[in-house]
């Protein structure tokens, strides 16, 4: 009798240890969603039988057991299940079970069909790699930043209701080869967000091309064969999201060739109004020149060519430099947007070699994230909003520091008129001030930029002066263009006894240029 009691106790103890020993290391998170399917992933401390319960209510009457599992950091395992035959734009509840361990009940909303013409939001944030002085900064950005801001703005606690997905242009971890950097620094700090909305990252330099990255994410497999998940694209509503790899060894022609084909397809796809690309490295960086990469310039060239050819505005989101920047191409409806930093140590003004580029209107050395609000239908547009968390010495509680709105179909501003000098006026070399007519726009758009050109030939093939000024220029904590008059411009560096032609054009804040004015002639006396 005593031996039987001991045997029963031992069995009970072993069962108890088994239950306690099996833990969810990474809470469920969402990947690669379509209107009719989604992938749910999670990680447990050990292997075991897995299943997912799901339904349109918390009754969770459906069960799926077709789970793919891989060993990650022995003996832990990452599990992935694809839910199929879902309905578009529908809210689903789910929980995962591995052995005797189960998660909380979460929910997600499937993407809409393009024909629904449904508005949506997305979040872009980057470089949440751990800063040892502020190791939980990413958690703050997620919970007090993204979640708090959206719940207040959308007047709902349901993150999946209006938020379609999150993109991350690299540096998810400080060292992608270290297991705790993923479990503790990335997934633990984002566990209140990614069970509800899909996340689409790309590789930064800190991921170090590690197996952990490819184990943890199940991204679209539509990249170049042999480079799957290094680059990919995903369509959501009227937007195509393109993920790219700007790291060493992947700055190759194969990726550019693939990008050109994906952009060509997006141009021919009537459901697509906008293309948003994401990659890690900047082409130009006001806060950190050493972080610049020429290869990103080749990406920008392809994006600019696409937007000009098709009339579909585009953006490339990036990180690497730990601060926010927003710029725009001079001749194309294309935005340059650095969405960092969501945790990495801020790059401060004066800390590195820095410069003020013409392309950029705003650069801030701060923590924060970007909200994109995309409008579908007959008048598609997107609105970009930068939400700042400030810095260590000057924290901010989700302060809006930048807004820009871009339309697919623009009403061009009126063509400006040259006011003076005109009609071969003679002007003293030190008194050349070009003056143009008032900015006017039929749809009440605001004056965003002006471009002035001065040349010795009427066709302006090789202008002597080419000045492009935006209505704002936030650099070094100051707006250097504050109070600027975009309808007049002083000109220097001209030659005496020389005849010149000049012309001007105006741009809206939404990137629409007017036609050039009729050129006027003047003579330097």
Protein backbone atom coordinates (compact mmCIF):
# COMPACT_ATOMS: atom_id res chain seq x y z
CA UNK A 1 0.00 0.00 0.00
CA UNK A 2 2.82 2.34 0.94
CA UNK A 3 4.67 1.56 -2.32
CA UNK A 4 1.51 2.21 -4.33
CA UNK A 5 1.10 5.59 -2.63
CA UNK A 6 4.70 6.50 -3.39
CA UNK A 7 4.23 5.50 -7.04
CA UNK A 8 1.10 7.60 -7.36
CA UNK A 9 2.84 10.56 -5.73
CA UNK A 10 5.78 10.27 -8.12
CA UNK A 11 3.45 10.18 -11.13
CA UNK A 12 1.61 13.21 -9.83
CA UNK A 13 4.89 15.04 -9.24
CA UNK A 14 6.17 14.24 -12.74
CA UNK A 15 2.92 15.46 -14.27
CA UNK A 16 3.10 18.63 -12.19
CA UNK A 17 6.69 19.27 -13.27
CA UNK A 18 5.70 18.69 -16.91
CA UNK A 19 2.89 21.23 -16.67
CA UNK A 20 5.05 23.82 -14.93
CA UNK A 21 8.03 23.17 -17.23
CA UNK A 22 6.12 23.87 -20.46
CA UNK A 23 5.83 27.63 -20.91
CA UNK A 24 4.95 30.04 -23.68
CA UNK A 25 8.23 31.86 -24.36
CA UNK A 26 6.84 34.13 -27.10
CA UNK A 27 3.15 34.99 -27.07
CA UNK A 28 1.22 34.47 -30.32
CA UNK A 29 1.90 36.97 -33.10
CA UNK A 30 0.53 37.37 -36.62
CA UNK A 31 2.17 36.96 -40.01
CA UNK A 32 1.39 37.11 -43.72
CA UNK A 33 -2.31 37.91 -43.66
CA UNK A 34 -4.65 37.81 -46.67
CA UNK A 35 -8.40 38.44 -46.85
CA UNK A 36 -8.93 34.69 -46.48
CA UNK A 37 -6.00 33.46 -44.38
CA UNK A 38 -3.45 34.33 -41.72
CA UNK A 39 -0.45 32.72 -40.03
CA UNK A 40 -0.28 32.56 -36.24
CA UNK A 41 3.12 31.90 -34.64
CA UNK A 42 4.30 31.38 -31.07
CA UNK A 43 7.18 29.80 -29.17
CA UNK A 44 7.19 27.38 -26.23
CA UNK A 45 10.00 26.29 -23.94
CA UNK A 46 9.63 22.70 -25.14
CA UNK A 47 7.91 20.82 -27.91
CA UNK A 48 4.51 19.15 -27.66
CA UNK A 49 1.21 18.63 -29.40
CA UNK A 50 -0.08 21.96 -30.70
CA UNK A 51 -3.42 23.28 -31.83
CA UNK A 52 -5.26 26.55 -32.20
CA UNK A 53 -8.87 27.24 -31.29
CA UNK A 54 -10.60 30.03 -33.21
CA UNK A 55 -13.92 31.49 -34.25
CA UNK A 56 -15.76 34.75 -34.88
CA UNK A 57 -16.79 34.64 -31.20
CA UNK A 58 -14.95 33.77 -28.00
CA UNK A 59 -16.67 30.38 -28.10
CA UNK A 60 -13.71 29.26 -30.25
CA UNK A 61 -15.64 26.40 -31.81
CA UNK A 62 -13.12 25.74 -34.61
CA UNK A 63 -9.92 23.81 -34.07
CA UNK A 64 -6.85 23.53 -36.30
CA UNK A 65 -4.07 21.04 -35.57
CA UNK A 66 -2.00 21.35 -38.74
CA UNK A 67 0.93 23.03 -37.00
CA UNK A 68 4.47 23.37 -38.31
CA UNK A 69 7.10 23.42 -35.55
CA UNK A 70 10.87 23.92 -35.62
CA UNK A 71 13.51 23.78 -32.90
CA UNK A 72 14.74 27.31 -32.26
CA UNK A 73 17.00 27.46 -29.18
CA UNK A 74 17.04 23.89 -27.91
CA UNK A 75 14.72 22.68 -26.46
CA UNK A 76 12.38 25.59 -27.33
CA UNK A 77 10.24 25.36 -30.43
CA UNK A 78 8.55 27.92 -32.68
CA UNK A 79 5.11 26.90 -33.91
CA UNK A 80 3.21 28.16 -36.94
CA UNK A 81 -0.31 27.46 -38.11
CA UNK A 82 -2.17 28.83 -41.11
CA UNK A 83 -5.86 29.55 -40.70
CA UNK A 84 -7.70 29.28 -44.03
CA UNK A 85 -11.18 29.85 -45.43
CA UNK A 86 -11.57 33.07 -43.48
CA UNK A 87 -13.86 35.92 -44.53
CA UNK A 88 -12.46 39.33 -45.50
CA UNK A 89 -12.75 42.28 -43.09
CA UNK A 90 -13.89 39.96 -40.30
CA UNK A 91 -12.87 39.84 -36.65
CA UNK A 92 -11.70 36.45 -35.34
CA UNK A 93 -10.81 35.29 -31.83
CA UNK A 94 -8.15 32.67 -31.14
CA UNK A 95 -5.90 31.03 -28.59
CA UNK A 96 -3.01 28.59 -28.98
CA UNK A 97 -2.39 25.38 -27.03
CA UNK A 98 0.85 23.41 -26.70
CA UNK A 99 0.69 20.38 -24.47
CA UNK A 100 -1.00 21.49 -21.27
CA UNK A 101 -0.14 25.16 -21.81
CA UNK A 102 -2.49 27.62 -23.47
CA UNK A 103 -2.42 31.32 -24.25
CA UNK A 104 -4.93 34.04 -23.52
CA UNK A 105 -7.67 34.68 -26.05
CA UNK A 106 -6.60 37.22 -28.68
CA UNK A 107 -8.20 38.51 -31.86
CA UNK A 108 -7.38 39.85 -35.31
CA UNK A 109 -9.26 41.31 -38.27
CA UNK A 110 -8.66 39.95 -41.74
CA UNK A 111 -7.62 42.37 -44.52
CA UNK A 112 -10.29 43.72 -46.87
CA UNK A 113 -10.71 42.78 -50.49
CA UNK A 114 -9.50 45.55 -52.80
CA UNK A 115 -13.02 45.97 -54.19
CA UNK A 116 -14.22 46.95 -50.71
CA UNK A 117 -12.30 50.23 -51.09
CA UNK A 118 -11.77 50.28 -47.33
CA UNK A 119 -9.72 52.91 -45.49
CA UNK A 120 -7.08 51.65 -43.07
CA UNK A 121 -4.10 52.61 -40.94
CA UNK A 122 -0.59 51.24 -40.59
CA UNK A 123 2.25 51.91 -38.17
CA UNK A 124 5.90 52.26 -39.21
CA UNK A 125 8.63 52.18 -36.55
CA UNK A 126 12.24 51.10 -36.54
CA UNK A 127 15.50 50.50 -34.68
CA UNK A 128 14.10 49.20 -31.39
CA UNK A 129 17.42 47.55 -30.59
CA UNK A 130 18.15 47.59 -26.86
CA UNK A 131 19.85 50.61 -25.32
CA UNK A 132 21.40 49.39 -22.04
CA UNK A 133 20.64 52.76 -20.41
CA UNK A 134 16.94 52.41 -21.33
CA UNK A 135 16.41 48.67 -21.90
CA UNK A 136 12.58 48.80 -21.93
CA UNK A 137 12.19 51.84 -24.19
CA UNK A 138 10.62 49.74 -26.96
CA UNK A 139 7.94 48.54 -24.52
CA UNK A 140 7.17 52.17 -23.71
CA UNK A 141 6.97 53.09 -27.39
CA UNK A 142 4.55 50.21 -28.00
CA UNK A 143 2.31 50.54 -24.97
CA UNK A 144 2.39 54.25 -24.06
CA UNK A 145 3.02 55.33 -27.63
CA UNK A 146 1.41 53.25 -30.38
CA UNK A 147 -1.36 51.57 -28.37
CA UNK A 148 -2.31 54.57 -26.24
CA UNK A 149 -2.28 56.92 -29.23
CA UNK A 150 -4.40 54.67 -31.45
CA UNK A 151 -6.93 53.83 -28.77
CA UNK A 152 -7.46 57.51 -28.06
CA UNK A 153 -7.51 58.54 -31.72
CA UNK A 154 -9.77 55.72 -32.90
CA UNK A 155 -11.91 55.77 -29.73
CA UNK A 156 -11.67 52.01 -29.32
CA UNK A 157 -9.55 49.49 -27.45
CA UNK A 158 -9.71 47.13 -30.43
CA UNK A 159 -6.32 47.57 -32.08
CA UNK A 160 -7.27 45.43 -35.06
CA UNK A 161 -10.35 47.48 -35.97
CA UNK A 162 -8.57 50.19 -37.96
CA UNK A 163 -4.88 49.19 -37.78
CA UNK A 164 -4.05 46.91 -40.69
CA UNK A 165 -0.43 46.04 -39.92
CA UNK A 166 2.96 47.22 -38.68
CA UNK A 167 6.14 47.54 -40.72
CA UNK A 168 9.67 47.60 -39.28
CA UNK A 169 12.59 48.72 -41.48
CA UNK A 170 15.23 46.76 -39.58
CA UNK A 171 17.28 46.56 -36.37
CA UNK A 172 14.67 44.70 -34.36
CA UNK A 173 17.41 43.55 -32.00
CA UNK A 174 20.81 44.70 -30.80
CA UNK A 175 22.41 41.38 -31.78
CA UNK A 176 20.28 39.08 -33.90
CA UNK A 177 22.49 36.09 -33.14
CA UNK A 178 21.61 36.18 -29.43
CA UNK A 179 18.45 34.36 -28.39
CA UNK A 180 17.49 36.67 -25.44
CA UNK A 181 17.60 39.68 -27.76
CA UNK A 182 14.58 38.17 -29.52
CA UNK A 183 12.60 36.73 -26.63
CA UNK A 184 13.25 39.44 -24.04
CA UNK A 185 14.01 42.58 -26.02
CA UNK A 186 11.76 42.27 -29.06
CA UNK A 187 8.84 39.92 -28.45
CA UNK A 188 8.34 40.48 -24.72
CA UNK A 189 8.21 44.23 -25.20
CA UNK A 190 5.76 44.04 -28.11
CA UNK A 191 3.43 41.33 -26.77
CA UNK A 192 0.50 43.72 -26.35
CA UNK A 193 0.52 44.64 -30.04
CA UNK A 194 1.56 41.81 -32.33
CA UNK A 195 -1.07 39.24 -31.22
CA UNK A 196 -3.63 41.63 -32.75
CA UNK A 197 -2.06 42.95 -35.98
CA UNK A 198 0.42 41.39 -38.43
CA UNK A 199 4.01 42.61 -38.42
CA UNK A 200 6.19 42.79 -41.55
CA UNK A 201 9.89 43.47 -40.87
CA UNK A 202 12.98 43.66 -43.05
CA UNK A 203 16.56 42.89 -42.09
CA UNK A 204 18.75 45.56 -40.52
CA UNK A 205 22.48 45.27 -39.98
CA UNK A 206 21.98 44.29 -36.30
CA UNK A 207 20.04 41.15 -37.27
CA UNK A 208 23.31 39.88 -38.75
CA UNK A 209 21.36 37.69 -41.19
CA UNK A 210 20.79 35.28 -38.31
CA UNK A 211 18.74 32.07 -38.39
CA UNK A 212 16.64 33.45 -35.56
CA UNK A 213 15.22 36.12 -37.87
CA UNK A 214 14.18 33.58 -40.49
CA UNK A 215 12.83 31.21 -37.83
CA UNK A 216 10.67 33.86 -36.20
CA UNK A 217 9.10 35.35 -39.33
CA UNK A 218 7.05 33.80 -42.09
CA UNK A 219 7.01 36.47 -44.77
CA UNK A 220 5.60 36.31 -48.30
CA UNK A 221 7.65 33.95 -50.47
CA UNK A 222 7.40 36.00 -53.66
CA UNK A 223 10.99 37.28 -53.72
CA UNK A 224 13.74 36.19 -56.07
CA UNK A 225 14.33 32.39 -55.83
CA UNK A 226 17.32 31.85 -53.57
CA UNK A 227 16.61 35.07 -51.68
CA UNK A 228 13.20 34.29 -50.22
CA UNK A 229 12.22 36.57 -47.30
CA UNK A 230 15.20 38.84 -48.00
CA UNK A 231 12.83 40.79 -50.20
CA UNK A 232 9.11 40.38 -50.75
CA UNK A 233 5.88 42.28 -51.30
CA UNK A 234 2.42 42.27 -49.75
CA UNK A 235 -0.76 43.95 -51.00
CA UNK A 236 -3.24 45.38 -48.52
CA UNK A 237 -6.26 47.24 -49.83
CA UNK A 238 -5.02 49.85 -52.30
CA UNK A 239 -1.36 49.75 -51.14
CA UNK A 240 1.56 47.53 -52.14
CA UNK A 241 4.15 47.09 -49.39
CA UNK A 242 7.62 46.10 -50.60
CA UNK A 243 10.28 44.76 -48.23
CA UNK A 244 13.93 45.08 -49.32
CA UNK A 245 17.36 44.12 -48.00
CA UNK A 246 19.94 46.94 -48.08
CA UNK A 247 22.64 45.07 -46.13
CA UNK A 248 26.11 44.01 -47.27
CA UNK A 249 26.09 41.11 -49.75
CA UNK A 250 22.53 41.90 -50.82
CA UNK A 251 23.11 45.18 -52.63
CA UNK A 252 22.93 43.32 -55.89
CA UNK A 253 21.39 43.70 -59.32
CA UNK A 254 19.08 40.72 -58.79
CA UNK A 255 17.15 42.68 -56.16
CA UNK A 256 16.89 45.76 -58.39
CA UNK A 257 15.65 43.62 -61.29
CA UNK A 258 13.02 42.03 -59.03
CA UNK A 259 11.97 45.45 -57.74
CA UNK A 260 11.53 46.80 -61.27
CA UNK A 261 9.18 43.91 -62.12
CA UNK A 262 7.17 44.29 -58.92
CA UNK A 263 6.80 48.02 -59.55
CA UNK A 264 5.78 47.42 -63.16
CA UNK A 265 3.11 45.01 -61.95
CA UNK A 266 1.90 47.55 -59.35
CA UNK A 267 1.64 50.16 -62.08
CA UNK A 268 -0.60 47.89 -64.15
CA UNK A 269 -2.71 46.81 -61.16
CA UNK A 270 -5.79 49.02 -61.02
CA UNK A 271 -6.36 48.09 -57.36
CA UNK A 272 -3.05 49.68 -56.30
CA UNK A 273 -2.96 53.43 -55.68
CA UNK A 274 0.27 53.70 -53.65
CA UNK A 275 3.52 51.80 -53.15
CA UNK A 276 5.37 51.87 -49.82
CA UNK A 277 8.83 50.29 -49.74
CA UNK A 278 10.87 49.62 -46.61
CA UNK A 279 14.58 48.98 -46.24
CA UNK A 280 17.10 49.70 -43.52
CA UNK A 281 19.79 52.06 -44.79
CA UNK A 282 19.31 55.69 -45.91
CA UNK A 283 20.58 57.17 -49.13
CA UNK A 284 21.04 60.53 -47.40
CA UNK A 285 21.01 61.15 -43.66
CA UNK A 286 21.10 64.59 -42.08
CA UNK A 287 21.87 63.25 -38.59
CA UNK A 288 24.49 60.63 -39.52
CA UNK A 289 26.26 60.93 -42.86
CA UNK A 290 28.34 57.79 -42.25
CA UNK A 291 25.13 55.71 -42.30
CA UNK A 292 24.39 56.54 -45.94
CA UNK A 293 24.44 53.90 -48.68
CA UNK A 294 24.56 54.50 -52.44
CA UNK A 295 22.52 51.35 -53.11
CA UNK A 296 19.47 52.94 -51.52
CA UNK A 297 19.82 55.69 -54.11
CA UNK A 298 19.31 53.05 -56.80
CA UNK A 299 16.15 51.91 -54.99
CA UNK A 300 14.93 55.52 -54.90
CA UNK A 301 15.60 55.87 -58.62
CA UNK A 302 13.31 52.91 -59.34
CA UNK A 303 10.60 54.27 -57.03
CA UNK A 304 10.77 57.74 -58.58
CA UNK A 305 10.56 56.34 -62.09
CA UNK A 306 7.55 54.26 -61.08
CA UNK A 307 5.68 57.22 -59.55
CA UNK A 308 6.34 59.55 -62.46
CA UNK A 309 5.39 56.95 -65.06
CA UNK A 310 2.20 55.77 -63.36
CA UNK A 311 1.09 58.81 -61.34
CA UNK A 312 0.98 56.62 -58.23
CA UNK A 313 2.77 58.29 -55.27
CA UNK A 314 5.33 56.25 -53.35
CA UNK A 315 7.40 56.25 -50.17
CA UNK A 316 10.53 54.52 -49.00
CA UNK A 317 10.64 54.01 -45.23
CA UNK A 318 13.97 53.36 -43.56
CA UNK A 319 15.90 53.55 -40.29
CA UNK A 320 19.58 53.04 -39.34
CA UNK A 321 19.94 56.68 -38.27
CA UNK A 322 18.31 56.99 -34.84
CA UNK A 323 16.01 59.94 -35.40
CA UNK A 324 13.10 61.01 -37.59
CA UNK A 325 13.48 62.58 -41.04
CA UNK A 326 10.98 63.34 -43.77
CA UNK A 327 12.03 64.43 -47.22
CA UNK A 328 10.77 64.33 -50.80
CA UNK A 329 12.18 63.94 -54.26
CA UNK A 330 12.40 67.18 -56.22
CA UNK A 331 10.72 66.07 -59.44
CA UNK A 332 8.69 63.05 -58.34
CA UNK A 333 5.80 62.27 -55.99
CA UNK A 334 8.02 60.24 -53.70
CA UNK A 335 8.63 60.65 -49.95
CA UNK A 336 11.77 59.73 -47.99
CA UNK A 337 10.87 58.83 -44.39
CA UNK A 338 13.14 57.68 -41.55
CA UNK A 339 10.78 56.23 -38.91
CA UNK A 340 13.37 55.61 -36.15
CA UNK A 341 13.95 55.42 -33.27
CA UNK A 342 11.76 53.04 -31.28
CA UNK A 343 14.36 52.11 -28.68
CA UNK A 344 17.88 52.48 -30.00
CA UNK A 345 19.98 55.27 -28.51
CA UNK A 346 19.12 58.57 -30.17
CA UNK A 347 21.63 60.17 -32.56
CA UNK A 348 22.05 63.69 -31.22
CA UNK A 349 22.68 66.95 -33.03
CA UNK A 350 26.40 67.66 -33.19
CA UNK A 351 27.33 64.10 -32.27
CA UNK A 352 28.40 62.97 -35.75
CA UNK A 353 29.22 64.49 -39.14
CA UNK A 354 25.93 66.01 -40.30
CA UNK A 355 24.57 68.13 -43.13
CA UNK A 356 21.40 69.89 -44.23
CA UNK A 357 20.16 68.33 -47.48
CA UNK A 358 17.74 70.08 -49.85
CA UNK A 359 15.53 66.98 -49.98
CA UNK A 360 14.61 67.07 -46.30
CA UNK A 361 11.97 69.30 -44.75
CA UNK A 362 12.05 67.82 -41.24
CA UNK A 363 14.69 66.09 -39.12
CA UNK A 364 14.20 65.53 -35.39
CA UNK A 365 16.51 63.77 -32.95
CA UNK A 366 13.87 61.86 -30.98
CA UNK A 367 12.00 58.66 -30.14
CA UNK A 368 8.75 58.02 -31.94
CA UNK A 369 6.78 56.27 -34.67
CA UNK A 370 4.83 57.07 -37.83
CA UNK A 371 1.10 56.60 -38.43
CA UNK A 372 -0.11 56.21 -42.01
CA UNK A 373 -3.82 56.76 -42.69
CA UNK A 374 -4.74 55.45 -46.13
CA UNK A 375 -7.95 56.49 -47.86
CA UNK A 376 -9.39 54.34 -50.65
CA UNK A 377 -12.26 54.99 -53.06
CA UNK A 378 -12.53 57.54 -55.85
CA UNK A 379 -10.23 60.05 -54.16
CA UNK A 380 -7.40 57.95 -52.70
CA UNK A 381 -4.85 59.65 -50.50
CA UNK A 382 -2.59 59.00 -47.54
CA UNK A 383 -1.78 61.07 -44.49
CA UNK A 384 1.56 60.65 -42.72
CA UNK A 385 1.80 61.71 -39.07
CA UNK A 386 4.92 61.62 -36.91
CA UNK A 387 4.17 61.00 -33.25
CA UNK A 388 7.08 61.93 -30.99
CA UNK A 389 8.03 60.58 -27.57
CA UNK A 390 10.73 63.25 -27.27
CA UNK A 391 14.15 62.43 -25.89
CA UNK A 392 15.72 61.62 -22.53
CA UNK A 393 15.93 65.24 -21.36
CA UNK A 394 12.73 66.43 -23.04
CA UNK A 395 10.15 63.62 -23.05
CA UNK A 396 6.93 64.08 -25.01
CA UNK A 397 3.60 62.32 -24.64
CA UNK A 398 2.72 61.44 -28.22
CA UNK A 399 3.17 64.92 -29.63
CA UNK A 400 2.46 65.34 -33.34
CA UNK A 401 5.56 66.90 -34.89
CA UNK A 402 5.01 66.41 -38.62
CA UNK A 403 2.07 65.89 -40.99
CA UNK A 404 1.97 65.53 -44.75
CA UNK A 405 -0.94 64.47 -46.95
CA UNK A 406 -0.52 63.18 -50.50
CA UNK A 407 -3.29 62.53 -53.03
CA UNK A 408 -3.29 60.06 -55.88
CA UNK A 409 -5.06 62.54 -58.17
CA UNK A 410 -3.87 66.11 -57.78
CA UNK A 411 -5.24 69.45 -58.81
CA UNK A 412 -2.17 71.37 -59.87
CA UNK A 413 -1.55 74.83 -58.45
CA UNK A 414 -1.87 77.74 -60.85
CA UNK A 415 1.19 78.50 -62.94
CA UNK A 416 2.98 81.47 -61.34
CA UNK A 417 3.79 84.65 -63.21
CA UNK A 418 7.14 86.41 -63.18
CA UNK A 419 6.63 89.87 -61.61
CA UNK A 420 10.17 91.28 -61.67
CA UNK A 421 12.63 91.66 -63.24
CA UNK A 422 10.91 91.43 -66.63
CA UNK A 423 11.12 92.81 -70.16
CA UNK A 424 14.93 92.91 -70.32
CA UNK A 425 15.18 95.10 -67.23
CA UNK A 426 18.67 96.15 -66.25
CA UNK A 427 19.56 95.12 -62.69
CA UNK A 428 22.59 95.90 -60.55
CA UNK A 429 24.59 92.77 -59.76
CA UNK A 430 23.98 93.09 -56.01
CA UNK A 431 20.26 93.84 -56.33
CA UNK A 432 18.88 90.77 -58.09
CA UNK A 433 15.66 89.74 -56.35
CA UNK A 434 13.28 87.53 -58.28
CA UNK A 435 9.61 88.18 -57.51
CA UNK A 436 6.69 86.01 -58.60
CA UNK A 437 2.91 86.12 -58.29
CA UNK A 438 0.90 84.92 -55.31
CA UNK A 439 0.47 81.17 -54.83
CA UNK A 440 -2.99 79.97 -55.85
CA UNK A 441 -4.50 76.50 -55.84
CA UNK A 442 -7.98 75.56 -57.11
CA UNK A 443 -8.46 73.01 -54.30
CA UNK A 444 -7.08 75.33 -51.58
CA UNK A 445 -3.87 73.35 -51.16
CA UNK A 446 -1.11 75.19 -49.32
CA UNK A 447 2.19 76.42 -50.73
CA UNK A 448 4.81 73.76 -50.04
CA UNK A 449 7.86 74.66 -52.14
CA UNK A 450 9.26 76.88 -54.89
CA UNK A 451 11.90 76.21 -57.51
CA UNK A 452 13.77 79.07 -59.18
CA UNK A 453 16.03 78.78 -62.22
CA UNK A 454 18.31 81.36 -63.86
CA UNK A 455 20.10 80.58 -67.13
CA UNK A 456 21.85 82.26 -70.02
CA UNK A 457 19.80 80.28 -72.51
CA UNK A 458 16.04 80.32 -73.02
CA UNK A 459 15.70 76.51 -72.83
CA UNK A 460 17.34 76.26 -69.35
CA UNK A 461 19.28 73.19 -70.47
CA UNK A 462 22.11 74.02 -68.08
CA UNK A 463 20.89 76.65 -65.57
CA UNK A 464 23.42 78.83 -63.79
CA UNK A 465 21.18 78.97 -60.72
CA UNK A 466 18.78 76.24 -59.54
CA UNK A 467 17.25 76.83 -56.11
CA UNK A 468 14.66 74.56 -54.51
CA UNK A 469 13.18 75.73 -51.21
CA UNK A 470 10.58 74.01 -49.05
CA UNK A 471 8.20 75.90 -46.78
CA UNK A 472 9.95 74.40 -43.74
CA UNK A 473 13.43 73.14 -42.95
CA UNK A 474 13.66 71.64 -39.45
CA UNK A 475 17.34 71.07 -38.78
CA UNK A 476 19.24 71.25 -35.49
CA UNK A 477 16.06 71.89 -33.46
CA UNK A 478 15.17 74.96 -35.55
CA UNK A 479 13.02 75.67 -38.57
CA UNK A 480 15.61 77.41 -40.75
CA UNK A 481 12.88 78.46 -43.20
CA UNK A 482 10.59 80.00 -40.63
CA UNK A 483 9.02 83.16 -42.06
CA UNK A 484 10.38 82.47 -45.53
CA UNK A 485 8.68 84.16 -48.49
CA UNK A 486 8.37 81.52 -51.19
CA UNK A 487 7.33 84.11 -53.80
CA UNK A 488 10.66 85.95 -53.96
CA UNK A 489 14.33 84.97 -54.00
CA UNK A 490 17.59 86.92 -53.84
CA UNK A 491 20.15 85.76 -56.40
CA UNK A 492 23.94 86.03 -56.21
CA UNK A 493 26.93 84.73 -58.20
CA UNK A 494 25.83 86.25 -61.51
CA UNK A 495 28.16 87.95 -63.97
CA UNK A 496 28.19 91.61 -65.02
CA UNK A 497 27.20 92.64 -68.53
CA UNK A 498 25.38 89.36 -69.06
CA UNK A 499 21.82 88.59 -70.19
CA UNK A 500 19.88 86.02 -68.18
CA UNK A 501 16.51 84.29 -68.31
CA UNK A 502 14.58 83.23 -65.23
CA UNK A 503 11.54 81.14 -64.42
CA UNK A 504 9.70 79.76 -61.39
CA UNK A 505 7.28 77.00 -60.42
CA UNK A 506 5.27 76.29 -57.26
CA UNK A 507 4.56 73.05 -55.40
CA UNK A 508 1.79 72.15 -52.99
CA UNK A 509 2.53 70.55 -49.63
CA UNK A 510 1.08 67.40 -51.22
CA UNK A 511 3.96 67.29 -53.78
CA UNK A 512 2.05 68.58 -56.85
CA UNK A 513 4.10 70.94 -59.03
CA UNK A 514 2.66 73.67 -61.21
CA UNK A 515 3.88 74.23 -64.75
CA UNK A 516 6.88 76.50 -65.18
CA UNK A 517 6.19 80.18 -65.60
CA UNK A 518 6.84 81.89 -68.91
CA UNK A 519 10.55 82.86 -68.80
CA UNK A 520 11.56 86.49 -68.48
CA UNK A 521 14.78 88.21 -69.53
CA UNK A 522 16.94 90.61 -67.54
CA UNK A 523 20.43 92.07 -67.88
CA UNK A 524 23.07 92.47 -65.21
CA UNK A 525 24.18 96.07 -65.59
